[in-house]
Amino acid sequence: MSIKSPVKTSGETIYSSEPDENLIVERIYKAVMEQQLAPNTKLSEARLCETFGVGRMRVRRALLLLSSQGIIDLHSNRGAYVACPDKSEAKDVFDARLLIEPPLVRQLAQAPSEASLALLADHIELEDAARRENERTEVIRLSGEFHTKLAQAIGNKSISRMMRELVTRTSLIVGLFGSSENASCPDDEHTKILNAIQSRDPERAEELLISHLNHIQSGLDMDAKQQPQDDLVSILGST
């Protein structure tokens, strides 16, 4: 990733054609979803400025946005770190998903629109293509995003925002307590859920979704730990 040329002003150093904070947020979010940034990885302001070719104020605004979304934790006098859920929070996240997602998919399966079915089918095609190409990080990200697409398909923006945060926390949890074998959702379970939705079978769709979430949770090793990374330029510069 090329670094922009700095321009001195009366305040901070800024960079020509620098990306806004939303792009920085999306890059870091994507790296977390792909489990390239491990929980508890320090996000140094200086390294982020170097990586994105921006000034500190823009990085700080991005970090505040990421903190508000639960993706990072901000610590006084220590800086920003990728959020690191503990065992208790891991249980809370899956409990929350079991409360929200089964009724969501039941509602969707009762009367799915053609647009909703196309949205989910197109997404599963992307998952399948990434698996065929053995693009592991892309498979991990797309597997998580299938669940945000379910919320998007019913057209409820509030639930979509909640699901984005829950799916992100789940990715952090799997990155922390999971193995490489269960880093993404099992190959055919999303397809089975979509088939039940297409068949307008709410009970089957709900049953499959519950089984799917339990499958993910059962694959976690709550004593495992993933080491934080420090090469932000390499990770974020290539996302």
Foldseek 3Di string as FASTA:
>chain_A
DDAFDWDDDPDWIAGPPFDALVVVLVLLLLCLLLLVFAFFAADDLVVSCRQRNGTSVRVVVNQVVCVVLVQWDQDPPPGITGHADAPVVLVVLLVVCLVPQLVLLLVCLQDFDPVLLVLLVVLLVQLVVCVVVVVSSSNSNSQLCSSLSSVVRVPDVVVSSVSSSSSSVLLNQCSFFADSVLSGFDNCLSVQLSVSSVVSNSVSNSVSVNVRSVVSVVRGHNVGGDDGDHPCSVSSNVD
